[in-house]
Amino acid sequence: MPPSDYKQILYEQHGRVARIVLNRPRYRNAQSRVLLEELDHAFGRAGEDDGVGAIVLAGAGDHFSAGHDLGTPEELADREERPYEDGLRGKYRRGFDLNIDTSLRWRNLPKPTIAAVQGYCIFAGWIISSAMDVIFAADDAMFLPANFQYFSVPWDLHHRKAREILFESRFIDAQEAMELGFVNRVIPKDRLEEESMAYAARVAANDPFQLRMIKLAINQAQDAQGFTQHIQGAFPLYQLSSLGESDPGFALAKPEGRRRPMVQRAFENYEARKNAEQGESG
């Protein structure tokens, strides 16, 4: 598939840097099946291209990614054309194929990867940014983790902070994300692309074999501690958690539209905190 055939992403090459862009700004770059398949193809293309030394992942528009696509017209049409099996079997296969297999594959690409994140980075947005080696965040970035499919959060954050944030369901702004070690740098939004590409160009100028060995050694250090085993083992717990939202005793009201209950809760917590801060300053 040539890059010109991509429908929901863009693929560019600038010198020795490949820039892959989630290109659904109308939907805040919600991750459809088509988008994830194209993203997987583009990462594979860049990984195999000897002319590429580093890869930048970005999002078009104001937001990096507002998460999973829960029902845009394109996604619904694709589900009708290529349905998964009904019930738990289909739900399990879809989640594993699109979020576990792909994310682990992207984590293990033979070249350095950099996520350039602005605006919302919710649930699946966290997943794909976490699978990258380095994360640069615009100063307006807002991250929301959860017990999602690729549950990297206890590796991205200290386990006590992970519990605190996940129990409450709250956003992390760019500065806090850097303080917690999830983000490498916070950059003014109007300089995010320039600085992420400049960093990637400096990385790509180094010896590709040395870069590959460095990345492999770091990934192996995590795997020796159980990273990949944990990711695969936590996935069934996500499935149970997701199915539990349909229980009669589920504690949260289901919001109107397609927003997940815990995302709605995070927005409510954010608004409450903002109102409280405004009241104190007033």
Protein backbone atom coordinates (compact mmCIF):
# COMPACT_ATOMS: atom_id res chain seq x y z
CA MET A 1 0.00 0.00 0.00
CA PRO A 2 1.62 3.32 -1.04
CA PRO A 3 1.21 6.27 1.36
CA SER A 4 -1.11 7.96 -1.14
CA ASP A 5 -3.65 5.19 -0.46
CA TYR A 6 -3.92 5.93 3.25
CA LYS A 7 -7.34 7.34 4.14
CA GLN A 8 -6.98 8.20 7.82
CA ILE A 9 -3.28 8.87 8.31
CA LEU A 10 -0.55 10.78 6.52
CA TYR A 11 2.96 9.50 5.84
CA GLU A 12 5.78 11.94 5.14
CA GLN A 13 9.54 11.63 4.98
CA HIS A 14 11.79 14.54 5.87
CA GLY A 15 15.42 13.58 5.36
CA ARG A 16 15.94 10.49 7.51
CA VAL A 17 12.81 11.10 9.61
CA ALA A 18 9.44 9.52 8.84
CA ARG A 19 6.49 11.53 10.15
CA ILE A 20 3.23 9.64 10.59
CA VAL A 21 0.15 11.74 11.31
CA LEU A 22 -3.23 10.64 12.61
CA ASN A 23 -5.43 12.50 10.16
CA ARG A 24 -8.98 12.59 11.48
CA PRO A 25 -9.09 16.05 13.09
CA ARG A 26 -12.86 16.25 12.63
CA TYR A 27 -13.17 13.39 15.14
CA ARG A 28 -10.24 14.46 17.33
CA ASN A 29 -8.27 11.62 15.73
CA ALA A 30 -10.48 8.88 17.17
CA GLN A 31 -8.87 5.52 16.46
CA SER A 32 -10.93 3.46 14.05
CA ARG A 33 -9.99 0.00 12.87
CA VAL A 34 -8.93 1.48 9.52
CA LEU A 35 -6.72 4.08 11.20
CA LEU A 36 -4.97 1.45 13.33
CA GLU A 37 -4.44 -0.85 10.36
CA GLU A 38 -2.98 2.00 8.32
CA LEU A 39 -0.83 3.04 11.26
CA ASP A 40 0.49 -0.51 11.58
CA HIS A 41 1.31 -0.58 7.87
CA ALA A 42 3.06 2.80 8.05
CA PHE A 43 5.16 1.80 11.06
CA GLY A 44 6.15 -1.38 9.26
CA ARG A 45 7.06 0.60 6.17
CA ALA A 46 9.24 3.02 8.14
CA GLY A 47 10.79 0.20 10.14
CA GLU A 48 11.93 -1.60 7.00
CA ASP A 49 13.13 1.49 5.12
CA ASP A 50 16.91 1.89 5.37
CA GLY A 51 16.43 5.56 4.50
CA VAL A 52 14.52 6.16 7.75
CA GLY A 53 16.46 6.56 10.98
CA ALA A 54 13.71 7.74 13.35
CA ILE A 55 9.91 8.02 13.37
CA VAL A 56 7.66 10.79 14.70
CA LEU A 57 4.00 10.07 15.47
CA ALA A 58 1.74 13.14 15.51
CA GLY A 59 -1.92 14.09 15.34
CA ALA A 60 -3.55 16.56 12.96
CA GLY A 61 -5.57 19.42 14.41
CA ASP A 62 -5.95 20.47 18.03
CA HIS A 63 -5.82 17.01 19.61
CA PHE A 64 -3.46 14.06 19.39
CA SER A 65 -6.22 11.47 19.93
CA ALA A 66 -9.44 11.46 21.95
CA GLY A 67 -9.33 7.67 22.13
CA HIS A 68 -11.15 4.78 20.54
CA ASP A 69 -13.61 5.37 17.73
CA LEU A 70 -16.95 4.48 19.31
CA GLY A 71 -19.12 5.06 16.26
CA THR A 72 -18.18 7.56 13.57
CA PRO A 73 -19.89 6.93 10.21
CA GLU A 74 -16.67 5.51 8.72
CA GLU A 75 -16.18 3.14 11.65
CA LEU A 76 -19.79 1.93 11.59
CA ALA A 77 -19.59 1.29 7.85
CA ASP A 78 -16.38 -0.68 8.33
CA ARG A 79 -17.92 -2.77 11.11
CA GLU A 80 -20.82 -3.62 8.83
CA GLU A 81 -18.51 -4.54 5.95
CA ARG A 82 -15.99 -6.46 8.09
CA PRO A 83 -17.81 -7.58 11.24
CA TYR A 84 -16.12 -9.31 14.14
CA GLU A 85 -17.82 -12.30 15.73
CA ASP A 86 -20.61 -11.33 18.14
CA GLY A 87 -20.16 -11.55 21.89
CA LEU A 88 -17.09 -11.88 24.05
CA ARG A 89 -15.09 -13.77 21.40
CA GLY A 90 -15.32 -10.95 18.90
CA LYS A 91 -14.69 -8.28 21.53
CA TYR A 92 -11.61 -10.14 22.75
CA ARG A 93 -10.24 -10.65 19.26
CA ARG A 94 -10.80 -7.04 18.22
CA GLY A 95 -9.10 -5.65 21.32
CA PHE A 96 -6.17 -8.05 21.12
CA ASP A 97 -5.64 -7.58 17.39
CA LEU A 98 -5.94 -3.80 17.34
CA ASN A 99 -4.47 -2.81 20.70
CA ILE A 100 -2.20 -5.55 22.05
CA ASP A 101 -0.56 -7.06 18.97
CA THR A 102 -0.11 -3.70 17.28
CA SER A 103 1.14 -1.77 20.32
CA LEU A 104 3.69 -4.43 21.22
CA ARG A 105 4.84 -4.53 17.60
CA TRP A 106 5.26 -0.73 17.55
CA ARG A 107 7.08 -0.80 20.89
CA ASN A 108 9.55 -3.26 19.36
CA LEU A 109 10.18 -1.44 16.09
CA PRO A 110 13.90 -1.48 15.28
CA LYS A 111 14.07 2.33 15.17
CA PRO A 112 13.52 5.11 17.72
CA THR A 113 9.99 6.49 17.86
CA ILE A 114 8.83 9.86 19.17
CA ALA A 115 5.23 10.82 19.98
CA ALA A 116 4.38 14.53 19.62
CA VAL A 117 1.23 15.05 21.69
CA GLN A 118 -1.07 18.06 21.87
CA GLY A 119 -4.55 18.53 23.29
CA TYR A 120 -6.48 15.44 24.35
CA CYS A 121 -4.61 12.17 24.72
CA ILE A 122 -7.37 9.95 26.12
CA PHE A 123 -7.40 6.17 26.69
CA ALA A 124 -6.30 4.79 23.29
CA GLY A 125 -4.34 8.01 22.77
CA TRP A 126 -2.34 7.08 25.87
CA ILE A 127 -1.90 3.56 24.49
CA ILE A 128 -0.23 4.55 21.24
CA SER A 129 1.87 7.30 22.81
CA SER A 130 3.02 4.89 25.52
CA ALA A 131 4.17 2.44 22.84
CA MET A 132 6.60 5.08 21.55
CA ASP A 133 10.13 5.45 22.94
CA VAL A 134 9.99 9.17 23.70
CA ILE A 135 7.04 11.52 24.32
CA PHE A 136 7.13 15.27 23.71
CA ALA A 137 4.02 17.10 24.92
CA ALA A 138 2.64 20.47 23.97
CA ASP A 139 1.89 22.68 26.93
CA ASP A 140 -1.86 22.16 26.36
CA ALA A 141 -1.70 18.34 26.39
CA MET A 142 -4.17 16.53 28.65
CA PHE A 143 -3.59 12.83 29.33
CA LEU A 144 -6.21 10.38 30.64
CA PRO A 145 -5.16 6.83 31.55
CA ALA A 146 -7.46 3.94 32.45
CA ASN A 147 -7.58 0.18 32.79
CA PHE A 148 -7.54 -0.08 29.01
CA GLN A 149 -6.46 -2.86 26.64
CA TYR A 150 -2.71 -2.16 26.57
CA PHE A 151 -2.37 -1.54 30.31
CA SER A 152 1.04 0.08 30.41
CA VAL A 153 0.10 2.59 33.12
CA PRO A 154 1.88 0.83 36.04
CA TRP A 155 5.04 0.93 33.92
CA ASP A 156 4.52 4.51 32.77
CA LEU A 157 3.93 5.84 36.29
CA HIS A 158 4.97 4.81 39.79
CA HIS A 159 2.44 2.26 40.99
CA ARG A 160 1.20 4.51 43.82
CA LYS A 161 0.58 7.42 41.45
CA ALA A 162 -1.05 5.03 38.99
CA ARG A 163 -3.49 3.92 41.69
CA GLU A 164 -4.21 7.46 42.84
CA ILE A 165 -4.99 8.74 39.35
CA LEU A 166 -6.88 5.68 38.11
CA PHE A 167 -8.99 5.36 41.26
CA GLU A 168 -10.17 8.96 40.89
CA SER A 169 -10.28 8.99 37.07
CA ARG A 170 -8.65 12.31 36.36
CA PHE A 171 -6.69 14.08 33.69
CA ILE A 172 -2.95 14.71 33.94
CA ASP A 173 -1.73 17.91 32.34
CA ALA A 174 1.54 18.11 30.46
CA GLN A 175 3.55 19.47 33.37
CA GLU A 176 2.38 16.78 35.78
CA ALA A 177 2.97 14.12 33.13
CA MET A 178 6.59 15.27 32.86
CA GLU A 179 7.01 15.36 36.64
CA LEU A 180 5.68 11.79 36.81
CA GLY A 181 8.11 10.64 34.12
CA PHE A 182 5.56 9.80 31.42
CA VAL A 183 6.54 12.75 29.23
CA ASN A 184 10.12 13.65 28.31
CA ARG A 185 9.63 17.33 27.49
CA VAL A 186 6.91 19.98 27.58
CA ILE A 187 7.06 22.34 24.61
CA PRO A 188 4.97 25.36 23.60
CA LYS A 189 2.27 24.10 21.25
CA ASP A 190 3.40 26.28 18.33
CA ARG A 191 6.88 24.71 18.52
CA LEU A 192 5.89 21.07 19.08
CA GLU A 193 6.30 19.93 15.48
CA GLU A 194 9.53 21.86 14.94
CA GLU A 195 11.21 20.60 18.10
CA SER A 196 10.04 17.00 17.82
CA MET A 197 11.24 16.83 14.22
CA ALA A 198 14.56 18.47 15.07
CA TYR A 199 15.14 15.96 17.88
CA ALA A 200 14.21 13.08 15.57
CA ALA A 201 16.66 14.37 12.95
CA ARG A 202 19.49 14.41 15.52
CA VAL A 203 18.61 10.86 16.56
CA ALA A 204 18.38 9.69 12.94
CA ALA A 205 21.89 10.98 12.26
CA ASN A 206 23.33 8.37 14.62
CA ASP A 207 24.32 4.85 13.63
CA PRO A 208 21.14 2.78 13.07
CA PHE A 209 22.65 -0.44 14.40
CA GLN A 210 23.74 1.25 17.63
CA LEU A 211 20.27 2.77 18.04
CA ARG A 212 18.66 -0.62 17.50
CA MET A 213 20.91 -2.29 20.08
CA ILE A 214 20.23 0.47 22.64
CA LYS A 215 16.48 0.17 22.16
CA LEU A 216 16.59 -3.63 22.30
CA ALA A 217 18.64 -3.58 25.51
CA ILE A 218 16.17 -1.21 27.21
CA ASN A 219 13.14 -3.20 26.07
CA GLN A 220 14.77 -6.41 27.25
CA ALA A 221 15.38 -4.85 30.67
CA GLN A 222 11.65 -4.16 30.93
CA ASP A 223 10.75 -7.59 29.63
CA ALA A 224 13.04 -9.23 32.19
CA GLN A 225 10.83 -7.53 34.78
CA GLY A 226 7.70 -8.89 33.09
CA PHE A 227 6.48 -6.03 30.88
CA THR A 228 5.14 -8.03 27.93
CA GLN A 229 3.78 -10.79 30.18
CA HIS A 230 1.94 -8.15 32.22
CA ILE A 231 0.46 -6.46 29.13
CA GLN A 232 -0.89 -9.75 27.85
CA GLY A 233 -2.05 -10.91 31.28
CA ALA A 234 -3.86 -7.66 32.13
CA PHE A 235 -5.90 -7.72 28.92
CA PRO A 236 -8.55 -10.17 30.24
CA LEU A 237 -8.99 -7.90 33.28
CA TYR A 238 -9.75 -5.03 30.92
CA GLN A 239 -12.34 -7.26 29.24
CA LEU A 240 -14.04 -7.94 32.57
CA SER A 241 -13.92 -4.27 33.49
CA SER A 242 -15.47 -3.27 30.18
CA LEU A 243 -18.23 -5.89 30.40
CA GLY A 244 -18.95 -4.75 33.96
CA GLU A 245 -20.13 -1.37 32.66
CA SER A 246 -23.30 -3.15 31.48
CA ASP A 247 -24.10 -4.60 34.91
CA PRO A 248 -27.31 -3.36 36.60
CA GLY A 249 -25.26 -2.34 39.64
CA PHE A 250 -22.68 -0.27 37.72
CA ALA A 251 -22.11 2.84 39.86
CA LEU A 252 -21.84 5.49 37.15
CA ALA A 253 -24.63 6.75 34.92
CA LYS A 254 -24.00 6.17 31.24
CA PRO A 255 -23.56 9.55 29.55
CA GLU A 256 -25.46 10.60 26.48
CA GLY A 257 -23.67 10.05 23.19
CA ARG A 258 -20.68 7.74 22.90
CA ARG A 259 -18.43 8.95 25.72
CA ARG A 260 -17.30 6.20 28.09
CA PRO A 261 -18.52 6.57 31.71
CA MET A 262 -15.01 6.92 33.17
CA VAL A 263 -14.13 9.55 30.57
CA GLN A 264 -17.26 11.47 31.53
CA ARG A 265 -16.25 11.15 35.17
CA ALA A 266 -12.80 12.56 34.38
CA PHE A 267 -14.33 15.58 32.63
CA GLU A 268 -16.63 16.17 35.61
CA ASN A 269 -13.66 15.97 37.98
CA TYR A 270 -11.71 18.38 35.77
CA GLU A 271 -14.57 20.91 35.69
CA ALA A 272 -15.08 20.64 39.45
CA ARG A 273 -11.39 21.22 40.11
CA LYS A 274 -11.27 24.17 37.70
CA ASN A 275 -14.35 25.76 39.31
CA ALA A 276 -12.85 25.29 42.77
CA GLU A 277 -9.59 26.94 41.71
CA GLN A 278 -11.49 29.85 40.15
CA GLY A 279 -13.49 30.24 43.36
CA GLU A 280 -10.32 30.37 45.45
CA SER A 281 -8.70 32.93 43.14
CA GLY A 282 -11.88 35.04 43.10
